[in-house]
Protein backbone atom coordinates (compact mmCIF):
# COMPACT_ATOMS: atom_id res chain seq x y z
CA MET A 1 7.11 13.86 -33.19
CA SER A 2 3.80 14.86 -33.33
CA ALA A 3 1.59 15.73 -30.39
CA GLY A 4 -0.74 12.41 -30.87
CA GLU A 5 2.37 10.18 -30.36
CA SER A 6 3.72 12.48 -27.69
CA ALA A 7 0.63 12.00 -25.90
CA ARG A 8 0.46 8.51 -26.10
CA LYS A 9 3.99 7.99 -24.96
CA PHE A 10 3.37 10.23 -21.75
CA TYR A 11 0.36 7.76 -21.51
CA GLU A 12 2.14 4.71 -21.75
CA SER A 13 4.86 5.82 -19.37
CA ALA A 14 2.42 6.66 -17.04
CA ARG A 15 0.67 3.22 -16.94
CA PHE A 16 3.97 1.45 -17.09
CA GLU A 17 5.04 3.48 -13.77
CA LEU A 18 1.51 3.11 -12.22
CA VAL A 19 1.65 -0.86 -12.69
CA ALA A 20 5.44 -0.90 -10.88
CA HIS A 21 3.96 0.92 -7.99
CA ILE A 22 1.04 -1.30 -8.04
CA LYS A 23 3.78 -4.31 -7.77
CA LEU A 24 6.11 -2.18 -5.41
CA ARG A 25 3.18 -1.81 -2.85
CA GLU A 26 2.39 -5.54 -3.27
CA SER A 27 5.50 -6.39 -2.88
CA ILE A 28 6.40 -4.37 0.39
CA LEU A 29 3.48 -6.09 1.62
CA LEU A 30 4.46 -9.60 1.02
CA PHE A 31 8.21 -8.75 2.60
CA TYR A 32 5.86 -7.53 5.79
CA LEU A 33 4.05 -10.93 5.73
CA GLY A 34 7.43 -12.72 5.57
CA ILE A 35 8.80 -10.62 8.61
CA MET A 36 5.56 -11.04 10.53
CA ALA A 37 5.79 -14.69 10.08
CA THR A 38 9.55 -14.95 11.06
CA LEU A 39 9.37 -12.83 13.91
CA LEU A 40 6.02 -14.80 15.66
CA GLY A 41 7.97 -18.01 14.50
CA VAL A 42 10.82 -16.67 16.70
CA ALA A 43 8.89 -15.04 19.39
CA PHE A 44 6.67 -18.37 20.14
CA SER A 45 9.68 -20.91 19.73
CA ASN A 46 10.79 -23.08 22.52
CA GLN A 47 12.92 -19.88 24.15
CA ASN A 48 9.88 -17.80 24.08
CA ILE A 49 10.86 -14.31 23.60
CA ASN A 50 7.70 -11.98 23.43
CA GLU A 51 10.17 -9.14 23.68
CA ILE A 52 11.40 -9.41 20.18
CA LEU A 53 7.67 -8.66 19.07
CA LEU A 54 8.40 -5.07 20.05
CA VAL A 55 9.60 -4.62 16.97
CA ILE A 56 6.41 -4.71 14.78
CA PRO A 57 4.83 -1.88 15.81
CA PHE A 58 7.79 0.17 13.99
CA ILE A 59 7.58 -2.49 11.17
CA ALA A 60 4.63 -1.84 10.30
CA LEU A 61 4.38 2.12 10.87
CA SER A 62 7.26 1.65 8.24
CA VAL A 63 5.43 -0.42 6.06
CA SER A 64 2.23 1.52 6.48
CA ILE A 65 4.01 4.75 5.17
CA LEU A 66 5.20 3.54 2.20
CA VAL A 67 2.08 1.52 1.15
CA SER A 68 0.39 4.96 1.77
CA GLN A 69 3.15 6.65 -0.47
CA HIS A 70 2.14 4.39 -3.16
CA HIS A 71 -1.36 4.48 -3.01
CA SER A 72 -0.90 8.07 -3.51
CA ALA A 73 1.12 7.86 -6.48
CA ILE A 74 -1.15 5.31 -8.06
CA GLY A 75 -3.92 7.53 -7.53
CA SER A 76 -2.61 10.29 -9.18
CA LEU A 77 -0.84 8.49 -12.00
CA GLY A 78 -4.61 7.55 -12.98
CA LEU A 79 -5.94 10.93 -12.31
CA TYR A 80 -2.98 11.80 -14.59
CA CYS A 81 -4.36 9.68 -17.36
CA VAL A 82 -7.81 10.18 -16.93
CA GLU A 83 -8.15 13.89 -16.26
CA GLU A 84 -4.98 14.99 -18.47
CA ILE A 85 -3.93 12.65 -21.14
CA GLY A 86 -7.14 11.11 -21.79
CA PRO A 87 -8.98 14.45 -22.82
CA TYR A 88 -6.10 15.61 -25.32
CA ILE A 89 -5.77 12.13 -26.86
CA GLU A 90 -9.83 12.19 -27.44
CA LYS A 91 -9.46 15.75 -29.09
CA LEU A 92 -7.14 14.62 -31.31
CA GLN A 93 -7.71 14.54 -35.51
CA PRO A 94 -8.31 12.40 -36.91
CA PRO A 95 -9.88 10.56 -33.88
CA GLU A 96 -7.67 7.95 -32.17
CA PHE A 97 -9.55 7.47 -28.76
CA ALA A 98 -10.51 4.23 -27.39
CA PRO A 99 -12.41 3.71 -24.00
CA GLN A 100 -9.46 3.54 -21.07
CA TRP A 101 -9.74 1.44 -18.03
CA ASP A 102 -8.71 4.30 -16.04
CA ASN A 103 -12.29 6.28 -16.50
CA SER A 104 -14.45 2.62 -17.65
CA LYS A 105 -17.88 2.25 -16.06
CA ALA A 106 -16.65 -0.96 -14.92
CA LEU A 107 -13.48 0.75 -12.83
CA LEU A 108 -16.13 3.26 -11.40
CA ASN A 109 -18.65 0.54 -10.57
CA ALA A 110 -16.14 -1.29 -8.65
CA ALA A 111 -13.99 1.37 -7.26
CA ASN A 112 -15.46 1.48 -3.86
CA GLU A 113 -15.76 -2.07 -3.19
CA ALA A 114 -12.16 -2.38 -3.66
CA MET A 115 -11.03 0.77 -1.65
CA LEU A 116 -13.35 -0.86 1.12
CA SER A 117 -11.51 -4.21 0.74
CA ARG A 118 -8.00 -2.73 0.37
CA MET A 119 -9.07 -0.96 3.78
CA TRP A 120 -9.92 -4.28 5.73
CA ALA A 121 -7.41 -6.05 4.51
CA HIS A 122 -4.48 -3.45 5.31
CA ILE A 123 -6.16 -3.36 8.77
CA ILE A 124 -6.05 -7.08 9.36
CA VAL A 125 -2.59 -7.46 7.82
CA ILE A 126 -0.87 -4.51 9.74
CA MET A 127 -2.90 -3.65 12.64
CA ILE A 128 -3.63 -7.00 14.09
CA PRO A 129 0.18 -8.11 14.46
CA THR A 130 0.71 -4.78 15.66
CA ILE A 131 -1.82 -5.10 18.71
CA LEU A 132 -1.01 -8.59 19.15
CA ALA A 133 2.98 -7.66 19.92
CA LEU A 134 1.92 -5.00 22.11
CA ALA A 135 -0.88 -7.31 23.63
CA LEU A 136 1.69 -9.76 24.42
CA ASN A 137 4.29 -7.55 26.09
CA TYR A 138 1.83 -5.81 28.45
CA ASN A 139 3.85 -6.50 31.43
CA HIS A 140 6.62 -4.21 30.08
CA ALA A 141 4.92 -1.40 30.67
CA LEU A 142 3.27 -2.15 33.74
CA ASN A 143 6.07 -3.62 35.48
CA SER A 144 8.97 -1.27 34.26
CA ALA A 145 11.32 0.74 36.38
CA PHE A 146 11.07 3.50 33.04
CA PRO A 147 10.73 6.28 33.36
CA PHE A 148 9.24 6.64 37.04
CA GLY A 149 9.20 2.98 38.31
CA PRO A 150 6.67 0.63 38.58
CA LEU A 151 2.77 1.14 38.39
C-alpha cells in the first residue's frame, strides 16, 4: 500500500469515526429528550408526583458529560483531518489533493455561529429541565429534616 493510499484510508477512517460520534451525540440528546418528556408526563399526571423530577439533574449531568466527550472527539478528529492528514495528502506526487470540508471557507465562516447556536440549544435542552425540576421541589429543601432539621 502506498503512502497516498494509506493517507486516504486514514482520512476516510477518521471521517467515518467523526460522523459516528456526531450520530451518537445526537442520539444521546434525543434519548435525553425522551426521558425528560416521560418524567414530566409522570410528574404532572393525576398523581402529581413532583419528587420524580429530582432525578433530572443527575440525568442532565450524565448527558452533559457524554455530549462533551463526543464533542471533544469530533473536534479532535476534525483537527486531525485538517492539520495532519490534509497537508500530507496535499504534498503527494502526483497531486491528489481536493478541497476538504474540514478546512473550507464555508465551514470557517459558519463555525462561530454554529457553536453559539449549539451552546444555546444545549443550555435550553439540558439546563431548563434541571432548573424546573429543582424549582418544583424547592419545598423538599426548605422543609427537610436532613441533615440539621427544617430551616
